[in-house]
Amino acid sequence: MIARAGAAVLTLCLLAACARTVPPPALGVERPSYTEEGLASWYGRAHNGHKTADGERFSMRAMTAAHRTLPFDTVARVTNLETGRVIKVRINDRGPYIRGRIIDLSAKAASILGIREGGVVRVRIEIYASDQHAATVAGEE
């Protein structure tokens, strides 16, 4: 009987030692309110100067992007999942309308992110509340 009780205590101790606890999020560490992964493409010269869905003129030299559902003027962080490079863009247009693609970047944003001409790249889009206070994105005209 005592041997069984000792074995049970030992088993419980071993199980407790193997248990993995998940630490609470660190104070001051912000989590994104929105995350999406998929393919990014870009658009440029052919659309330059045309009106975007929000009514402004598209500039291929601005740090902007088209997304199907994100509200206009949302600032999104876009990470190239192949290189880890991160940029911020402002959503000012709708699209892309090609199956499998989740965001169309301006030519400048695509260049900084490392998308080669004619190519697409796998990306992660994240929205952070702390990015939304700025009406424009660094590097935007």
N, C-alpha and C. Protein backbone atom coordinates (compact mmCIF):
# COMPACT_ATOMS: atom_id res chain seq x y z
N MET A 1 0.81 -1.18 0.00
CA MET A 1 0.00 0.00 0.00
C MET A 1 0.86 1.26 0.00
N ILE A 2 1.89 1.27 0.87
CA ILE A 2 2.79 2.42 0.95
C ILE A 2 3.57 2.53 -0.35
N ALA A 3 3.95 1.41 -0.92
CA ALA A 3 4.69 1.42 -2.18
C ALA A 3 3.83 2.00 -3.29
N ARG A 4 2.55 1.68 -3.30
CA ARG A 4 1.65 2.24 -4.32
C ARG A 4 1.49 3.74 -4.14
N ALA A 5 1.35 4.17 -2.92
CA ALA A 5 1.21 5.60 -2.64
C ALA A 5 2.47 6.33 -3.06
N GLY A 6 3.62 5.75 -2.78
CA GLY A 6 4.89 6.37 -3.17
C GLY A 6 5.02 6.44 -4.69
N ALA A 7 4.59 5.38 -5.36
CA ALA A 7 4.63 5.35 -6.82
C ALA A 7 3.69 6.40 -7.41
N ALA A 8 2.54 6.56 -6.80
CA ALA A 8 1.57 7.55 -7.28
C ALA A 8 2.12 8.96 -7.12
N VAL A 9 2.74 9.22 -5.97
CA VAL A 9 3.33 10.55 -5.74
C VAL A 9 4.45 10.80 -6.74
N LEU A 10 5.29 9.80 -6.94
CA LEU A 10 6.39 9.93 -7.89
C LEU A 10 5.86 10.18 -9.30
N THR A 11 4.81 9.49 -9.70
CA THR A 11 4.21 9.69 -11.02
C THR A 11 3.67 11.10 -11.16
N LEU A 12 2.98 11.59 -10.15
CA LEU A 12 2.45 12.96 -10.18
C LEU A 12 3.58 13.98 -10.28
N CYS A 13 4.65 13.77 -9.55
CA CYS A 13 5.79 14.69 -9.62
C CYS A 13 6.42 14.70 -11.01
N LEU A 14 6.55 13.52 -11.60
CA LEU A 14 7.11 13.44 -12.95
C LEU A 14 6.20 14.12 -13.97
N LEU A 15 4.89 13.90 -13.85
CA LEU A 15 3.94 14.56 -14.75
C LEU A 15 3.99 16.07 -14.59
N ALA A 16 4.09 16.54 -13.36
CA ALA A 16 4.16 17.98 -13.12
C ALA A 16 5.43 18.56 -13.72
N ALA A 17 6.51 17.81 -13.64
CA ALA A 17 7.78 18.29 -14.20
C ALA A 17 7.72 18.36 -15.72
N CYS A 18 6.93 17.49 -16.34
CA CYS A 18 6.81 17.48 -17.79
C CYS A 18 5.79 18.49 -18.31
N ALA A 19 4.95 18.97 -17.42
CA ALA A 19 3.91 19.92 -17.85
C ALA A 19 4.55 21.19 -18.39
N ARG A 20 3.95 21.70 -19.43
CA ARG A 20 4.47 22.91 -20.06
C ARG A 20 3.49 24.04 -19.79
N THR A 21 3.98 25.07 -19.18
CA THR A 21 3.12 26.22 -18.94
C THR A 21 3.38 27.28 -19.98
N VAL A 22 2.34 27.96 -20.39
CA VAL A 22 2.47 29.03 -21.36
C VAL A 22 2.51 30.34 -20.60
N PRO A 23 3.60 31.08 -20.71
CA PRO A 23 3.69 32.32 -19.96
C PRO A 23 2.69 33.35 -20.49
N PRO A 24 2.22 34.23 -19.61
CA PRO A 24 1.31 35.28 -20.08
C PRO A 24 2.07 36.22 -21.01
N PRO A 25 1.37 36.95 -21.90
CA PRO A 25 2.07 37.87 -22.78
C PRO A 25 2.81 38.93 -21.97
N ALA A 26 3.98 39.27 -22.42
CA ALA A 26 4.78 40.27 -21.73
C ALA A 26 4.06 41.61 -21.76
N LEU A 27 4.21 42.35 -20.68
CA LEU A 27 3.60 43.68 -20.64
C LEU A 27 4.20 44.55 -21.72
N GLY A 28 3.37 45.30 -22.38
CA GLY A 28 3.85 46.21 -23.42
C GLY A 28 4.03 45.57 -24.78
N VAL A 29 3.80 44.25 -24.88
CA VAL A 29 3.93 43.57 -26.17
C VAL A 29 2.55 43.57 -26.83
N GLU A 30 2.47 44.25 -27.94
CA GLU A 30 1.20 44.38 -28.65
C GLU A 30 1.00 43.19 -29.58
N ARG A 31 -0.23 42.73 -29.66
CA ARG A 31 -0.58 41.66 -30.58
C ARG A 31 -1.38 42.26 -31.73
N PRO A 32 -1.22 41.71 -32.93
CA PRO A 32 -2.00 42.25 -34.05
C PRO A 32 -3.48 41.95 -33.88
N SER A 33 -4.31 42.89 -34.34
CA SER A 33 -5.75 42.67 -34.30
C SER A 33 -6.23 41.90 -35.53
N TYR A 34 -5.36 41.79 -36.54
CA TYR A 34 -5.71 41.10 -37.78
C TYR A 34 -4.43 40.51 -38.36
N THR A 35 -4.51 39.27 -38.82
CA THR A 35 -3.38 38.60 -39.47
C THR A 35 -3.91 37.79 -40.65
N GLU A 36 -3.18 37.83 -41.75
CA GLU A 36 -3.55 37.07 -42.94
C GLU A 36 -2.28 36.69 -43.68
N GLU A 37 -2.22 35.49 -44.21
CA GLU A 37 -1.07 35.06 -45.01
C GLU A 37 -1.53 34.63 -46.39
N GLY A 38 -0.71 34.95 -47.38
CA GLY A 38 -1.02 34.58 -48.76
C GLY A 38 -0.03 35.22 -49.70
N LEU A 39 -0.43 35.35 -50.95
CA LEU A 39 0.46 35.89 -51.97
C LEU A 39 0.23 37.38 -52.19
N ALA A 40 1.33 38.10 -52.34
CA ALA A 40 1.29 39.52 -52.67
C ALA A 40 1.79 39.71 -54.09
N SER A 41 1.17 40.64 -54.78
CA SER A 41 1.62 41.05 -56.11
C SER A 41 1.74 42.57 -56.07
N TRP A 42 2.03 43.16 -57.22
CA TRP A 42 2.17 44.62 -57.23
C TRP A 42 1.65 45.20 -58.53
N TYR A 43 1.40 46.50 -58.48
CA TYR A 43 0.96 47.21 -59.68
C TYR A 43 1.64 48.56 -59.72
N GLY A 44 1.82 49.09 -60.94
CA GLY A 44 2.63 50.31 -61.06
C GLY A 44 2.24 51.20 -62.21
N ARG A 45 3.15 51.34 -63.16
CA ARG A 45 3.06 52.34 -64.22
C ARG A 45 1.70 52.38 -64.94
N ALA A 46 1.13 51.25 -65.26
CA ALA A 46 -0.14 51.23 -66.01
C ALA A 46 -1.28 51.88 -65.23
N HIS A 47 -1.18 51.90 -63.92
CA HIS A 47 -2.23 52.46 -63.07
C HIS A 47 -1.87 53.84 -62.53
N ASN A 48 -0.63 54.26 -62.73
CA ASN A 48 -0.15 55.52 -62.17
C ASN A 48 -1.03 56.69 -62.61
N GLY A 49 -1.51 57.47 -61.64
CA GLY A 49 -2.33 58.63 -61.92
C GLY A 49 -3.82 58.35 -61.98
N HIS A 50 -4.22 57.08 -62.08
CA HIS A 50 -5.64 56.73 -62.11
C HIS A 50 -6.20 56.82 -60.69
N LYS A 51 -7.49 57.02 -60.58
CA LYS A 51 -8.12 57.08 -59.27
C LYS A 51 -8.19 55.70 -58.64
N THR A 52 -7.91 55.66 -57.34
CA THR A 52 -8.04 54.43 -56.57
C THR A 52 -9.48 54.34 -56.06
N ALA A 53 -9.82 53.24 -55.45
CA ALA A 53 -11.18 53.03 -54.95
C ALA A 53 -11.58 54.05 -53.89
N ASP A 54 -10.61 54.62 -53.17
CA ASP A 54 -10.96 55.64 -52.17
C ASP A 54 -11.01 57.05 -52.76
N GLY A 55 -10.76 57.17 -54.07
CA GLY A 55 -10.90 58.45 -54.75
C GLY A 55 -9.62 59.24 -54.95
N GLU A 56 -8.52 58.81 -54.34
CA GLU A 56 -7.27 59.54 -54.54
C GLU A 56 -6.56 59.02 -55.80
N ARG A 57 -5.59 59.74 -56.26
CA ARG A 57 -4.81 59.34 -57.43
C ARG A 57 -3.73 58.34 -57.00
N PHE A 58 -3.64 57.24 -57.73
CA PHE A 58 -2.63 56.23 -57.44
C PHE A 58 -1.26 56.75 -57.82
N SER A 59 -0.31 56.58 -56.91
CA SER A 59 1.09 56.89 -57.19
C SER A 59 1.90 55.62 -56.97
N MET A 60 2.57 55.17 -58.01
CA MET A 60 3.37 53.96 -57.89
C MET A 60 4.56 54.17 -56.96
N ARG A 61 4.85 55.44 -56.60
CA ARG A 61 5.97 55.76 -55.72
C ARG A 61 5.54 55.93 -54.26
N ALA A 62 4.26 55.72 -53.98
CA ALA A 62 3.75 55.82 -52.61
C ALA A 62 3.79 54.45 -51.93
N MET A 63 3.77 54.45 -50.63
CA MET A 63 3.75 53.20 -49.86
C MET A 63 2.28 52.84 -49.58
N THR A 64 1.60 52.39 -50.64
CA THR A 64 0.18 52.08 -50.55
C THR A 64 -0.08 50.67 -51.08
N ALA A 65 -1.34 50.23 -50.87
CA ALA A 65 -1.69 48.88 -51.30
C ALA A 65 -3.19 48.76 -51.50
N ALA A 66 -3.57 47.72 -52.21
CA ALA A 66 -4.98 47.37 -52.42
C ALA A 66 -5.26 46.09 -51.65
N HIS A 67 -6.39 46.08 -50.95
CA HIS A 67 -6.85 44.90 -50.22
C HIS A 67 -8.36 44.81 -50.41
N ARG A 68 -8.89 43.61 -50.45
CA ARG A 68 -10.32 43.45 -50.72
C ARG A 68 -11.22 43.99 -49.61
N THR A 69 -10.82 43.85 -48.34
CA THR A 69 -11.75 44.15 -47.25
C THR A 69 -11.26 45.12 -46.19
N LEU A 70 -9.97 45.31 -46.04
CA LEU A 70 -9.48 46.21 -44.99
C LEU A 70 -9.97 47.63 -45.26
N PRO A 71 -10.35 48.36 -44.21
CA PRO A 71 -10.84 49.73 -44.41
C PRO A 71 -9.76 50.63 -45.02
N PHE A 72 -10.20 51.59 -45.81
CA PHE A 72 -9.27 52.57 -46.37
C PHE A 72 -8.54 53.29 -45.24
N ASP A 73 -7.30 53.67 -45.50
CA ASP A 73 -6.40 54.36 -44.56
C ASP A 73 -5.89 53.46 -43.44
N THR A 74 -6.20 52.17 -43.47
CA THR A 74 -5.60 51.24 -42.51
C THR A 74 -4.12 51.11 -42.85
N VAL A 75 -3.28 51.19 -41.83
CA VAL A 75 -1.84 50.96 -42.03
C VAL A 75 -1.57 49.49 -41.71
N ALA A 76 -1.00 48.79 -42.69
CA ALA A 76 -0.74 47.36 -42.55
C ALA A 76 0.75 47.09 -42.59
N ARG A 77 1.19 46.18 -41.74
CA ARG A 77 2.58 45.69 -41.83
C ARG A 77 2.56 44.47 -42.73
N VAL A 78 3.42 44.48 -43.73
CA VAL A 78 3.51 43.37 -44.67
C VAL A 78 4.90 42.77 -44.56
N THR A 79 4.96 41.48 -44.25
CA THR A 79 6.24 40.78 -44.08
C THR A 79 6.44 39.81 -45.23
N ASN A 80 7.59 39.92 -45.89
CA ASN A 80 7.99 38.96 -46.92
C ASN A 80 8.43 37.71 -46.16
N LEU A 81 7.69 36.61 -46.29
CA LEU A 81 7.97 35.40 -45.53
C LEU A 81 9.22 34.67 -46.01
N GLU A 82 9.74 35.04 -47.17
CA GLU A 82 10.98 34.42 -47.66
C GLU A 82 12.21 35.11 -47.08
N THR A 83 12.12 36.44 -46.87
CA THR A 83 13.29 37.20 -46.42
C THR A 83 13.15 37.77 -45.02
N GLY A 84 11.92 37.87 -44.51
CA GLY A 84 11.70 38.48 -43.21
C GLY A 84 11.60 40.00 -43.25
N ARG A 85 11.78 40.58 -44.43
CA ARG A 85 11.70 42.04 -44.57
C ARG A 85 10.27 42.51 -44.31
N VAL A 86 10.13 43.62 -43.57
CA VAL A 86 8.82 44.16 -43.20
C VAL A 86 8.69 45.60 -43.68
N ILE A 87 7.53 45.92 -44.24
CA ILE A 87 7.21 47.30 -44.63
C ILE A 87 5.84 47.65 -44.07
N LYS A 88 5.54 48.94 -44.07
CA LYS A 88 4.20 49.41 -43.72
C LYS A 88 3.61 50.10 -44.93
N VAL A 89 2.35 49.78 -45.21
CA VAL A 89 1.63 50.40 -46.32
C VAL A 89 0.28 50.89 -45.84
N ARG A 90 -0.26 51.84 -46.56
CA ARG A 90 -1.60 52.36 -46.27
C ARG A 90 -2.55 51.81 -47.32
N ILE A 91 -3.67 51.27 -46.88
CA ILE A 91 -4.66 50.71 -47.80
C ILE A 91 -5.48 51.86 -48.40
N ASN A 92 -5.44 51.97 -49.74
CA ASN A 92 -6.20 53.03 -50.42
C ASN A 92 -6.93 52.54 -51.66
N ASP A 93 -6.92 51.22 -51.88
CA ASP A 93 -7.54 50.70 -53.09
C ASP A 93 -8.11 49.31 -52.80
N ARG A 94 -8.91 48.80 -53.73
CA ARG A 94 -9.49 47.46 -53.62
C ARG A 94 -8.80 46.52 -54.59
N GLY A 95 -8.73 45.29 -54.23
CA GLY A 95 -8.07 44.27 -55.03
C GLY A 95 -7.21 43.44 -54.10
N PRO A 96 -6.42 42.55 -54.59
CA PRO A 96 -6.32 42.10 -55.97
C PRO A 96 -7.47 41.19 -56.33
N TYR A 97 -7.69 41.07 -57.61
CA TYR A 97 -8.80 40.27 -58.10
C TYR A 97 -8.34 39.01 -58.81
N ILE A 98 -7.14 38.57 -58.48
CA ILE A 98 -6.60 37.31 -59.01
C ILE A 98 -6.63 36.30 -57.88
N ARG A 99 -7.23 35.17 -58.12
CA ARG A 99 -7.40 34.14 -57.11
C ARG A 99 -6.07 33.80 -56.43
N GLY A 100 -6.11 33.70 -55.12
CA GLY A 100 -4.93 33.32 -54.35
C GLY A 100 -4.08 34.48 -53.87
N ARG A 101 -4.33 35.66 -54.39
CA ARG A 101 -3.55 36.83 -53.96
C ARG A 101 -4.35 37.61 -52.93
N ILE A 102 -3.66 38.12 -51.91
CA ILE A 102 -4.36 38.80 -50.83
C ILE A 102 -4.09 40.30 -50.78
N ILE A 103 -3.03 40.77 -51.45
CA ILE A 103 -2.71 42.20 -51.42
C ILE A 103 -1.95 42.56 -52.68
N ASP A 104 -2.25 43.74 -53.21
CA ASP A 104 -1.51 44.32 -54.33
C ASP A 104 -0.77 45.53 -53.80
N LEU A 105 0.54 45.53 -53.93
CA LEU A 105 1.37 46.62 -53.42
C LEU A 105 1.71 47.60 -54.52
N SER A 106 1.95 48.85 -54.15
CA SER A 106 2.47 49.81 -55.13
C SER A 106 3.86 49.35 -55.55
N ALA A 107 4.34 49.87 -56.67
CA ALA A 107 5.65 49.47 -57.18
C ALA A 107 6.75 49.75 -56.15
N LYS A 108 6.68 50.91 -55.50
CA LYS A 108 7.71 51.25 -54.50
C LYS A 108 7.67 50.27 -53.32
N ALA A 109 6.48 49.99 -52.80
CA ALA A 109 6.36 49.06 -51.67
C ALA A 109 6.86 47.68 -52.06
N ALA A 110 6.52 47.23 -53.26
CA ALA A 110 6.97 45.92 -53.73
C ALA A 110 8.49 45.87 -53.86
N SER A 111 9.06 46.95 -54.36
CA SER A 111 10.51 47.00 -54.52
C SER A 111 11.21 46.91 -53.17
N ILE A 112 10.74 47.68 -52.20
CA ILE A 112 11.35 47.66 -50.86
C ILE A 112 11.16 46.30 -50.21
N LEU A 113 10.02 45.66 -50.43
CA LEU A 113 9.75 44.34 -49.85
C LEU A 113 10.57 43.25 -50.53
N GLY A 114 11.05 43.51 -51.73
CA GLY A 114 11.89 42.54 -52.43
C GLY A 114 11.17 41.69 -53.44
N ILE A 115 10.04 42.18 -53.94
CA ILE A 115 9.33 41.43 -54.98
C ILE A 115 9.94 41.80 -56.32
N ARG A 116 10.42 40.82 -57.04
CA ARG A 116 11.02 41.07 -58.35
C ARG A 116 9.94 41.29 -59.39
N GLU A 117 10.32 41.97 -60.46
CA GLU A 117 9.38 42.29 -61.53
C GLU A 117 8.66 41.05 -62.03
N GLY A 118 7.34 41.19 -62.12
CA GLY A 118 6.53 40.09 -62.62
C GLY A 118 6.27 39.00 -61.60
N GLY A 119 6.83 39.15 -60.41
CA GLY A 119 6.71 38.07 -59.43
C GLY A 119 5.69 38.32 -58.34
N VAL A 120 5.50 37.30 -57.60
CA VAL A 120 4.67 37.36 -56.41
C VAL A 120 5.48 36.74 -55.28
N VAL A 121 5.10 37.05 -54.06
CA VAL A 121 5.82 36.52 -52.91
C VAL A 121 4.81 36.21 -51.80
N ARG A 122 5.13 35.22 -51.01
CA ARG A 122 4.28 34.86 -49.87
C ARG A 122 4.53 35.88 -48.76
N VAL A 123 3.43 36.43 -48.22
CA VAL A 123 3.52 37.48 -47.21
C VAL A 123 2.58 37.22 -46.04
N ARG A 124 2.85 37.94 -44.96
CA ARG A 124 1.93 38.02 -43.83
C ARG A 124 1.52 39.48 -43.69
N ILE A 125 0.22 39.72 -43.57
CA ILE A 125 -0.31 41.05 -43.32
C ILE A 125 -0.73 41.09 -41.86
N GLU A 126 -0.31 42.14 -41.14
CA GLU A 126 -0.71 42.31 -39.75
C GLU A 126 -1.16 43.74 -39.53
N ILE A 127 -2.21 43.89 -38.73
CA ILE A 127 -2.72 45.21 -38.37
C ILE A 127 -2.50 45.39 -36.88
N TYR A 128 -1.82 46.48 -36.52
CA TYR A 128 -1.56 46.83 -35.12
C TYR A 128 -2.23 48.17 -34.82
N ALA A 129 -2.87 48.25 -33.67
CA ALA A 129 -3.53 49.49 -33.26
C ALA A 129 -2.54 50.65 -33.19
N SER A 130 -1.32 50.38 -32.75
CA SER A 130 -0.33 51.45 -32.59
C SER A 130 0.11 52.05 -33.92
N ASP A 131 -0.09 51.34 -35.03
CA ASP A 131 0.28 51.87 -36.35
C ASP A 131 -0.79 52.79 -36.92
N GLN A 132 -1.98 52.77 -36.35
CA GLN A 132 -3.12 53.45 -36.97
C GLN A 132 -3.17 54.95 -36.66
N HIS A 133 -2.35 55.44 -35.76
CA HIS A 133 -2.40 56.87 -35.43
C HIS A 133 -1.84 57.75 -36.52
N ALA A 134 -0.96 57.21 -37.35
CA ALA A 134 -0.35 58.01 -38.41
C ALA A 134 -1.20 57.93 -39.66
N ALA A 135 -1.51 59.09 -40.24
CA ALA A 135 -2.31 59.12 -41.47
C ALA A 135 -1.51 58.71 -42.67
N THR A 136 -0.20 58.87 -42.62
CA THR A 136 0.65 58.48 -43.74
C THR A 136 1.72 57.53 -43.26
N VAL A 137 2.37 56.89 -44.19
CA VAL A 137 3.41 55.93 -43.91
C VAL A 137 4.74 56.53 -44.32
N ALA A 138 5.77 56.28 -43.56
CA ALA A 138 7.09 56.81 -43.89
C ALA A 138 7.47 56.45 -45.32
N GLY A 139 8.00 57.42 -46.04
CA GLY A 139 8.41 57.18 -47.42
C GLY A 139 7.33 57.44 -48.43
N GLU A 140 6.12 57.77 -47.98
CA GLU A 140 5.03 58.02 -48.90
C GLU A 140 5.07 59.47 -49.37
N GLU A 141 4.72 59.65 -50.62
CA GLU A 141 4.70 61.01 -51.19
C GLU A 141 3.52 61.78 -50.67
